[in-house]
């Protein structure tokens, strides 16, 4: 089962960048309130791997899979309503989904599915995000049970470009540079 990527205190994070001018997209850095725009860990070790074929539930209640997003780059976000960093990054994911016309597939890993996700989406009034559900945690299992949140960029051929484990300000300059890799 996936676990929430809880932030460590600023003094306890060994790989924390202290100067935003030296931070690169490959570094795990401190929360954004210290002037640094990334907080997760970028992983390119899965580059080229195909997207999982696991089925999950779409916003319409029908079964779907990542194959529904074929022929275009897309961002997969695994999250849960009980995960604080997940909820913090959702408004920024909504913004980039609207700005970039890049599909952002937010697949909830809540085991109680719609009971938790529907009220959350209703309260937040997202403009571009849609609620996808995976209460059986099949997507997490297929991806090696990553911590939440985990966001993966896939290219138009359905192959992984990179994954970010941990929260991220998706509207930041670093995030925009990473998203530009979608092509």
Protein backbone atom coordinates (compact mmCIF):
# COMPACT_ATOMS: atom_id res chain seq x y z
CA UNK A 1 0.00 0.00 0.00
CA UNK A 2 1.27 3.45 -0.86
CA UNK A 3 2.17 5.79 1.95
CA UNK A 4 1.98 9.53 2.10
CA UNK A 5 5.24 11.35 1.51
CA UNK A 6 5.29 13.37 4.70
CA UNK A 7 7.63 16.31 4.77
CA UNK A 8 10.59 16.15 7.09
CA UNK A 9 11.40 19.16 9.22
CA UNK A 10 13.59 21.60 7.30
CA UNK A 11 16.63 20.91 9.49
CA UNK A 12 16.36 17.15 9.15
CA UNK A 13 16.30 16.79 5.39
CA UNK A 14 19.75 15.68 4.30
CA UNK A 15 19.45 16.61 0.63
CA UNK A 16 17.78 19.96 1.14
CA UNK A 17 18.93 22.79 -1.11
CA UNK A 18 19.49 26.01 0.75
CA UNK A 19 19.85 28.37 -2.21
CA UNK A 20 17.16 28.47 -4.91
CA UNK A 21 19.71 29.68 -7.42
CA UNK A 22 21.60 26.38 -7.26
CA UNK A 23 18.60 24.04 -7.19
CA UNK A 24 18.20 21.80 -10.22
CA UNK A 25 15.22 19.66 -11.23
CA UNK A 26 17.10 16.53 -10.13
CA UNK A 27 17.44 17.63 -6.50
CA UNK A 28 15.03 16.95 -3.69
CA UNK A 29 14.59 20.25 -1.92
CA UNK A 30 12.70 21.90 0.89
CA UNK A 31 9.04 23.02 0.87
CA UNK A 32 8.27 26.04 -1.32
CA UNK A 33 7.84 28.51 1.53
CA UNK A 34 11.63 28.92 1.75
CA UNK A 35 11.93 30.28 -1.78
CA UNK A 36 12.80 26.95 -3.44
CA UNK A 37 10.22 25.76 -5.94
CA UNK A 38 10.55 21.96 -5.72
CA UNK A 39 10.09 19.63 -2.81
CA UNK A 40 9.86 16.15 -4.26
CA UNK A 41 12.48 13.82 -5.68
CA UNK A 42 12.88 13.52 -9.43
CA UNK A 43 13.53 9.98 -10.66
CA UNK A 44 14.54 9.27 -14.27
CA UNK A 45 15.48 5.62 -13.66
CA UNK A 46 12.21 4.39 -15.21
CA UNK A 47 12.60 6.41 -18.41
CA UNK A 48 11.25 4.54 -21.42
CA UNK A 49 9.10 2.11 -19.43
CA UNK A 50 5.57 1.71 -20.81
CA UNK A 51 2.60 3.01 -18.86
CA UNK A 52 0.81 0.38 -16.77
CA UNK A 53 -2.20 -1.30 -18.37
CA UNK A 54 -4.15 -1.49 -15.10
CA UNK A 55 -7.82 -0.52 -15.26
CA UNK A 56 -9.27 2.14 -12.96
CA UNK A 57 -12.54 4.05 -12.82
CA UNK A 58 -13.04 7.19 -14.89
CA UNK A 59 -15.05 10.26 -13.92
CA UNK A 60 -18.08 8.78 -15.71
CA UNK A 61 -17.94 5.61 -13.56
CA UNK A 62 -16.75 3.42 -16.44
CA UNK A 63 -13.53 1.41 -16.42
CA UNK A 64 -10.64 3.04 -18.24
CA UNK A 65 -6.86 2.84 -18.43
CA UNK A 66 -3.93 5.04 -19.38
CA UNK A 67 -4.34 3.79 -22.96
CA UNK A 68 -7.26 6.25 -23.18
CA UNK A 69 -4.63 9.02 -23.27
CA UNK A 70 -2.61 7.47 -26.12
CA UNK A 71 -1.07 9.64 -28.82
CA UNK A 72 -0.47 12.60 -26.52
CA UNK A 73 1.80 13.37 -23.58
CA UNK A 74 0.04 13.22 -20.22
CA UNK A 75 0.76 13.51 -16.52
CA UNK A 76 -0.32 10.73 -14.13
CA UNK A 77 -0.76 11.80 -10.52
CA UNK A 78 -1.28 9.22 -7.77
CA UNK A 79 -2.77 10.86 -4.71
CA UNK A 80 -5.23 10.38 -1.83
CA UNK A 81 -7.52 12.62 0.18
CA UNK A 82 -5.76 11.58 3.40
CA UNK A 83 -2.36 12.72 2.06
CA UNK A 84 -1.55 16.31 3.03
CA UNK A 85 1.12 16.98 0.36
CA UNK A 86 -1.22 15.48 -2.25
CA UNK A 87 -3.98 17.94 -1.41
CA UNK A 88 -1.55 20.87 -1.34
CA UNK A 89 -0.40 20.26 -4.92
CA UNK A 90 -3.86 19.63 -6.44
CA UNK A 91 -4.69 23.31 -7.19
CA UNK A 92 -1.38 23.71 -9.05
CA UNK A 93 -2.09 20.51 -11.02
CA UNK A 94 -5.47 21.98 -11.92
CA UNK A 95 -3.78 25.17 -13.11
CA UNK A 96 -1.28 23.41 -15.35
CA UNK A 97 -3.94 21.08 -16.74
CA UNK A 98 -5.87 24.15 -17.83
CA UNK A 99 -2.89 26.19 -19.06
CA UNK A 100 -0.91 23.56 -20.91
CA UNK A 101 -3.76 21.50 -22.27
CA UNK A 102 -1.68 18.63 -20.92
CA UNK A 103 -4.03 15.95 -19.62
CA UNK A 104 -3.47 15.44 -15.90
CA UNK A 105 -4.86 12.09 -14.81
CA UNK A 106 -5.36 12.27 -11.05
CA UNK A 107 -5.89 8.69 -9.88
CA UNK A 108 -7.01 8.55 -6.26
CA UNK A 109 -5.54 5.78 -4.14
CA UNK A 110 -8.30 6.16 -1.54
CA UNK A 111 -9.66 2.74 -0.67
CA UNK A 112 -13.11 4.23 -0.05
CA UNK A 113 -13.00 5.78 -3.53
CA UNK A 114 -15.92 8.01 -4.43
CA UNK A 115 -16.99 8.48 -0.80
CA UNK A 116 -13.81 10.47 -0.16
CA UNK A 117 -12.98 11.87 -3.60
CA UNK A 118 -16.34 13.22 -4.79
CA UNK A 119 -16.81 15.58 -1.81
CA UNK A 120 -13.20 16.74 -2.07
CA UNK A 121 -13.52 17.58 -5.77
CA UNK A 122 -16.89 19.26 -5.16
CA UNK A 123 -15.43 21.46 -2.42
CA UNK A 124 -12.34 22.44 -4.42
CA UNK A 125 -14.22 23.19 -7.67
CA UNK A 126 -11.35 22.18 -9.92
CA UNK A 127 -11.72 23.50 -13.47
CA UNK A 128 -9.54 21.04 -15.41
CA UNK A 129 -8.95 18.03 -13.13
CA UNK A 130 -11.29 15.07 -13.17
CA UNK A 131 -11.59 12.43 -10.45
CA UNK A 132 -10.27 8.99 -11.38
CA UNK A 133 -10.56 6.22 -8.78
CA UNK A 134 -8.43 3.18 -8.00
CA UNK A 135 -9.69 1.82 -4.65
CA UNK A 136 -8.00 -1.55 -5.31
CA UNK A 137 -4.63 0.31 -5.54
CA UNK A 138 -3.83 -1.45 -8.79
CA UNK A 139 -1.98 1.53 -10.22
CA UNK A 140 0.21 1.86 -7.12
CA UNK A 141 0.96 -1.84 -7.24
CA UNK A 142 1.84 -1.72 -10.96
CA UNK A 143 4.22 1.18 -10.30
CA UNK A 144 6.01 -0.50 -7.40
CA UNK A 145 3.99 1.04 -4.54
CA UNK A 146 5.46 4.53 -4.65
CA UNK A 147 4.93 7.04 -1.87
CA UNK A 148 2.16 9.55 -2.39
CA UNK A 149 2.02 11.87 -4.13
CA UNK A 150 3.79 10.48 -7.17
CA UNK A 151 3.47 12.22 -10.52
CA UNK A 152 4.72 10.66 -13.75
CA UNK A 153 5.15 12.32 -17.14
CA UNK A 154 4.44 10.04 -20.09
CA UNK A 155 5.32 10.90 -23.68
CA UNK A 156 2.95 10.56 -26.66
CA UNK A 157 4.07 6.95 -27.12
CA UNK A 158 3.01 6.06 -23.54
CA UNK A 159 6.56 5.77 -22.19
CA UNK A 160 7.71 7.27 -18.92
CA UNK A 161 9.87 10.39 -19.12
CA UNK A 162 10.32 10.99 -15.37
CA UNK A 163 8.54 10.66 -12.06
CA UNK A 164 8.36 13.06 -9.14
CA UNK A 165 7.82 11.48 -5.74
CA UNK A 166 6.64 13.97 -3.16
CA UNK A 167 4.77 17.22 -3.47
CA UNK A 168 5.58 19.84 -6.08
CA UNK A 169 4.53 23.34 -6.99
CA UNK A 170 3.54 22.48 -10.55
CA UNK A 171 3.33 26.15 -11.51
CA UNK A 172 6.96 26.85 -10.52
CA UNK A 173 9.76 27.53 -13.02
CA UNK A 174 11.36 24.15 -12.29
CA UNK A 175 8.07 22.32 -12.81
CA UNK A 176 7.40 24.20 -16.04
CA UNK A 177 10.84 23.19 -17.34
CA UNK A 178 10.13 19.55 -16.47
CA UNK A 179 6.69 19.69 -18.11
CA UNK A 180 8.27 21.11 -21.26
CA UNK A 181 9.96 17.73 -21.66
CA UNK A 182 6.55 16.40 -22.72
CA UNK A 183 7.39 17.71 -26.18
